[in-house]
Amino acid sequence: MSLFRKIFGTGDVSGEEKQGDTSPFLPEKQLPVDEMFTFNFKKNGGKFVYCDSTTDLHEQFLNILEENDWFECEAMTFEPALYPLLDENKLVYRNAANPKFLISTCESLVADEGSILFSSNQFKHFKPSELPDNMVVYATTSQILSSKSDCLRHIKKRYDKEYPTNITALKYFEKSKDEDFLHYGSVPKNLYLLLLEDL
């Protein structure tokens, strides 16, 4: 390095010096919650479909039916608000004996772990292991919250007194190759998330 550069500097900062600018004492830069959820959800094996309108949502649901050949099969849902979506595709859902998939909404989407929080409003009294292996979940971007504790606070605020029961989080959406204690007791579901932009 020349003497003039040492004295006056060039204004250029080398790559090594740039890396040294970050301090271990500064907080890590946090991703926005929607990006964090998308990244973690996909990492857990979930299938993510972004919809910018209700028309788009109906089209994407049709694509999921086509992809899995679920047109002439039985479906399951516990939510009357979703009946029109099943009716328009001529799917049997009343007293279904052998449903291929469950379609539901959810309480919240948990960004920091990429999981989906459900309650008795979606699952009634059923455990995840008692539900079909395939699921289609309809949610909105406003339901994405940072952590599970934020989601539980949201439920408490939303329902005021009549809190739902059977609050359950689904986190794993494909069978793990390495079964470890973190996956113990989890029921992986083949899950499609239809996420509607509402913000």
Protein backbone atom coordinates (compact mmCIF):
# COMPACT_ATOMS: atom_id res chain seq x y z
CA MET A 1 0.00 0.00 0.00
CA SER A 2 1.38 3.42 -0.90
CA LEU A 3 2.25 6.04 1.71
CA PHE A 4 -0.38 8.50 0.39
CA ARG A 5 -3.12 5.88 0.69
CA LYS A 6 -2.11 5.14 4.27
CA ILE A 7 -2.19 8.83 5.20
CA PHE A 8 -5.17 10.09 3.22
CA GLY A 9 -7.13 6.87 2.50
CA THR A 10 -8.94 6.14 -0.75
CA GLY A 11 -12.50 6.02 0.40
CA ASP A 12 -12.76 2.43 -0.84
CA VAL A 13 -13.48 -0.17 1.79
CA SER A 14 -12.24 -3.71 1.20
CA GLY A 15 -14.56 -6.72 1.65
CA GLU A 16 -12.83 -7.75 4.88
CA GLU A 17 -13.27 -4.28 6.37
CA LYS A 18 -16.98 -4.23 5.33
CA GLN A 19 -17.57 -7.50 7.16
CA GLY A 20 -15.95 -6.04 10.27
CA ASP A 21 -18.59 -3.26 10.39
CA THR A 22 -21.20 -5.52 12.01
CA SER A 23 -20.92 -5.81 15.74
CA PRO A 24 -21.77 -8.99 17.62
CA PHE A 25 -23.52 -6.72 20.15
CA LEU A 26 -26.02 -5.31 17.64
CA PRO A 27 -29.33 -7.18 17.29
CA GLU A 28 -29.61 -9.41 14.22
CA LYS A 29 -31.56 -7.95 11.33
CA GLN A 30 -35.03 -9.50 11.45
CA LEU A 31 -36.92 -10.54 8.31
CA PRO A 32 -40.44 -9.13 7.91
CA VAL A 33 -42.96 -11.59 9.40
CA ASP A 34 -44.49 -12.55 6.04
CA GLU A 35 -41.07 -13.44 4.57
CA MET A 36 -40.09 -15.27 7.77
CA PHE A 37 -43.32 -17.32 7.70
CA THR A 38 -42.93 -18.19 4.00
CA PHE A 39 -39.32 -19.30 4.46
CA ASN A 40 -40.02 -21.43 7.57
CA PHE A 41 -43.26 -22.89 6.19
CA LYS A 42 -41.55 -24.06 2.99
CA LYS A 43 -38.61 -25.40 5.04
CA ASN A 44 -41.13 -27.52 6.98
CA GLY A 45 -42.42 -29.00 3.70
CA GLY A 46 -45.61 -26.95 3.24
CA LYS A 47 -46.92 -25.98 -0.19
CA PHE A 48 -47.56 -22.27 -0.40
CA VAL A 49 -49.92 -20.61 -2.94
CA TYR A 50 -50.20 -16.81 -2.85
CA CYS A 51 -53.54 -15.37 -4.06
CA ASP A 52 -54.11 -11.67 -4.73
CA SER A 53 -57.92 -11.91 -5.07
CA THR A 54 -60.80 -14.26 -4.25
CA THR A 55 -61.06 -15.11 -7.97
CA ASP A 56 -57.41 -16.15 -7.91
CA LEU A 57 -58.07 -18.20 -4.76
CA HIS A 58 -60.88 -20.14 -6.51
CA GLU A 59 -58.62 -20.78 -9.51
CA GLN A 60 -55.75 -21.99 -7.31
CA PHE A 61 -58.10 -24.32 -5.40
CA LEU A 62 -59.18 -25.76 -8.75
CA ASN A 63 -55.48 -26.27 -9.66
CA ILE A 64 -54.92 -28.18 -6.39
CA LEU A 65 -57.91 -30.43 -7.16
CA GLU A 66 -56.55 -31.04 -10.65
CA GLU A 67 -52.98 -31.70 -9.46
CA ASN A 68 -54.14 -34.37 -7.00
CA ASP A 69 -57.09 -35.73 -9.03
CA TRP A 70 -59.57 -34.92 -6.24
CA PHE A 71 -62.52 -34.04 -8.49
CA GLU A 72 -64.77 -37.03 -7.85
CA CYS A 73 -63.95 -37.64 -4.23
CA GLU A 74 -65.25 -36.84 -0.78
CA ALA A 75 -63.93 -33.90 1.22
CA MET A 76 -64.24 -32.86 4.86
CA THR A 77 -64.91 -29.48 6.42
CA PHE A 78 -66.48 -28.24 9.64
CA GLU A 79 -66.94 -24.65 8.45
CA PRO A 80 -70.15 -23.61 6.63
CA ALA A 81 -68.34 -20.59 5.11
CA LEU A 82 -66.32 -23.05 2.96
CA TYR A 83 -69.33 -25.00 1.63
CA PRO A 84 -69.70 -22.80 -1.51
CA LEU A 85 -66.10 -23.57 -2.54
CA LEU A 86 -66.84 -27.30 -2.35
CA ASP A 87 -70.30 -26.95 -3.94
CA GLU A 88 -68.98 -25.10 -6.99
CA ASN A 89 -66.55 -27.99 -7.62
CA LYS A 90 -69.27 -30.63 -7.00
CA LEU A 91 -67.42 -32.25 -4.10
CA VAL A 92 -69.31 -34.40 -1.57
CA TYR A 93 -68.66 -33.24 2.00
CA ARG A 94 -71.84 -34.00 3.96
CA ASN A 95 -71.51 -37.30 5.87
CA ALA A 96 -68.31 -38.15 3.98
CA ALA A 97 -67.25 -41.72 4.80
CA ASN A 98 -63.78 -41.61 3.25
CA PRO A 99 -62.66 -38.00 2.67
CA LYS A 100 -59.50 -37.47 0.61
CA PHE A 101 -58.76 -34.06 2.12
CA LEU A 102 -59.86 -31.55 4.74
CA ILE A 103 -60.40 -27.91 3.81
CA SER A 104 -60.37 -25.37 6.62
CA THR A 105 -59.40 -21.92 7.75
CA CYS A 106 -57.03 -21.40 10.69
CA GLU A 107 -56.58 -19.18 13.72
CA SER A 108 -53.11 -17.83 12.86
CA LEU A 109 -49.91 -18.42 10.94
CA VAL A 110 -46.83 -18.54 13.19
CA ALA A 111 -43.90 -16.83 11.43
CA ASP A 112 -40.95 -17.82 13.63
CA GLU A 113 -41.58 -21.55 13.27
CA GLY A 114 -43.56 -21.76 10.01
CA SER A 115 -46.50 -23.50 11.66
CA ILE A 116 -50.28 -23.07 11.48
CA LEU A 117 -52.47 -22.71 14.57
CA PHE A 118 -55.92 -24.34 14.59
CA SER A 119 -58.66 -24.67 17.19
CA SER A 120 -62.02 -26.34 17.74
CA ASN A 121 -63.43 -23.82 15.24
CA GLN A 122 -61.63 -25.71 12.47
CA PHE A 123 -61.07 -29.24 13.88
CA LYS A 124 -63.98 -29.58 16.34
CA HIS A 125 -62.85 -32.25 18.85
CA PHE A 126 -60.64 -34.19 16.42
CA LYS A 127 -56.90 -34.70 16.87
CA PRO A 128 -54.68 -34.15 13.80
CA SER A 129 -54.10 -37.93 13.58
CA GLU A 130 -57.88 -38.44 13.17
CA LEU A 131 -58.11 -36.08 10.19
CA PRO A 132 -57.27 -36.82 6.52
CA ASP A 133 -53.58 -36.83 5.54
CA ASN A 134 -54.24 -34.13 2.92
CA MET A 135 -55.25 -30.60 3.90
CA VAL A 136 -56.07 -27.35 2.11
CA VAL A 137 -55.94 -24.33 4.41
CA TYR A 138 -57.36 -20.93 3.52
CA ALA A 139 -55.74 -18.00 5.38
CA THR A 140 -55.09 -14.28 4.91
CA THR A 141 -51.88 -12.28 5.20
CA SER A 142 -53.28 -10.41 8.23
CA GLN A 143 -53.25 -13.73 10.15
CA ILE A 144 -49.44 -13.93 10.06
CA LEU A 145 -48.08 -13.22 13.53
CA SER A 146 -44.54 -13.31 14.81
CA SER A 147 -44.69 -16.02 17.49
CA LYS A 148 -47.02 -18.57 19.08
CA SER A 149 -47.46 -16.36 22.14
CA ASP A 150 -48.64 -13.51 19.84
CA CYS A 151 -51.11 -15.94 18.27
CA LEU A 152 -52.48 -17.01 21.65
CA ARG A 153 -52.87 -13.36 22.71
CA HIS A 154 -54.72 -12.74 19.44
CA ILE A 155 -57.11 -15.64 20.16
CA LYS A 156 -57.76 -14.31 23.67
CA LYS A 157 -58.49 -10.83 22.31
CA ARG A 158 -60.56 -12.04 19.35
CA TYR A 159 -62.92 -14.35 21.24
CA ASP A 160 -63.17 -12.27 24.43
CA LYS A 161 -64.99 -14.85 26.63
CA GLU A 162 -65.89 -17.93 24.59
CA TYR A 163 -62.39 -19.20 23.93
CA PRO A 164 -62.05 -22.07 21.47
CA THR A 165 -60.69 -25.37 22.74
CA ASN A 166 -58.44 -27.96 21.07
CA ILE A 167 -55.80 -25.36 20.13
CA THR A 168 -53.30 -27.23 17.98
CA ALA A 169 -50.29 -26.21 15.89
CA LEU A 170 -49.26 -28.15 12.80
CA LYS A 171 -45.62 -27.66 11.94
CA TYR A 172 -44.40 -30.61 9.84
CA PHE A 173 -45.83 -31.09 6.37
CA GLU A 174 -43.75 -33.98 5.13
CA LYS A 175 -42.36 -37.15 6.69
CA SER A 176 -38.94 -36.47 8.20
CA LYS A 177 -36.01 -38.54 6.94
CA ASP A 178 -34.31 -38.28 10.34
CA GLU A 179 -36.78 -39.10 13.09
CA ASP A 180 -35.53 -37.24 16.17
CA PHE A 181 -37.12 -36.14 19.42
CA LEU A 182 -38.31 -32.87 17.82
CA HIS A 183 -40.58 -34.83 15.46
CA TYR A 184 -41.84 -37.24 18.13
CA GLY A 185 -45.65 -37.33 18.21
CA SER A 186 -46.03 -35.03 15.21
CA VAL A 187 -48.41 -35.99 12.43
CA PRO A 188 -47.07 -34.77 9.08
CA LYS A 189 -49.77 -33.57 6.69
CA ASN A 190 -49.64 -32.99 2.95
CA LEU A 191 -50.73 -29.37 3.31
CA TYR A 192 -51.52 -26.65 0.77
CA LEU A 193 -51.84 -23.10 2.08
CA LEU A 194 -53.97 -20.71 0.02
CA LEU A 195 -52.83 -17.33 1.31
CA LEU A 196 -55.05 -14.41 0.32
CA GLU A 197 -53.63 -10.89 0.37
CA ASP A 198 -55.86 -8.72 2.57
CA LEU A 199 -53.51 -5.94 3.76
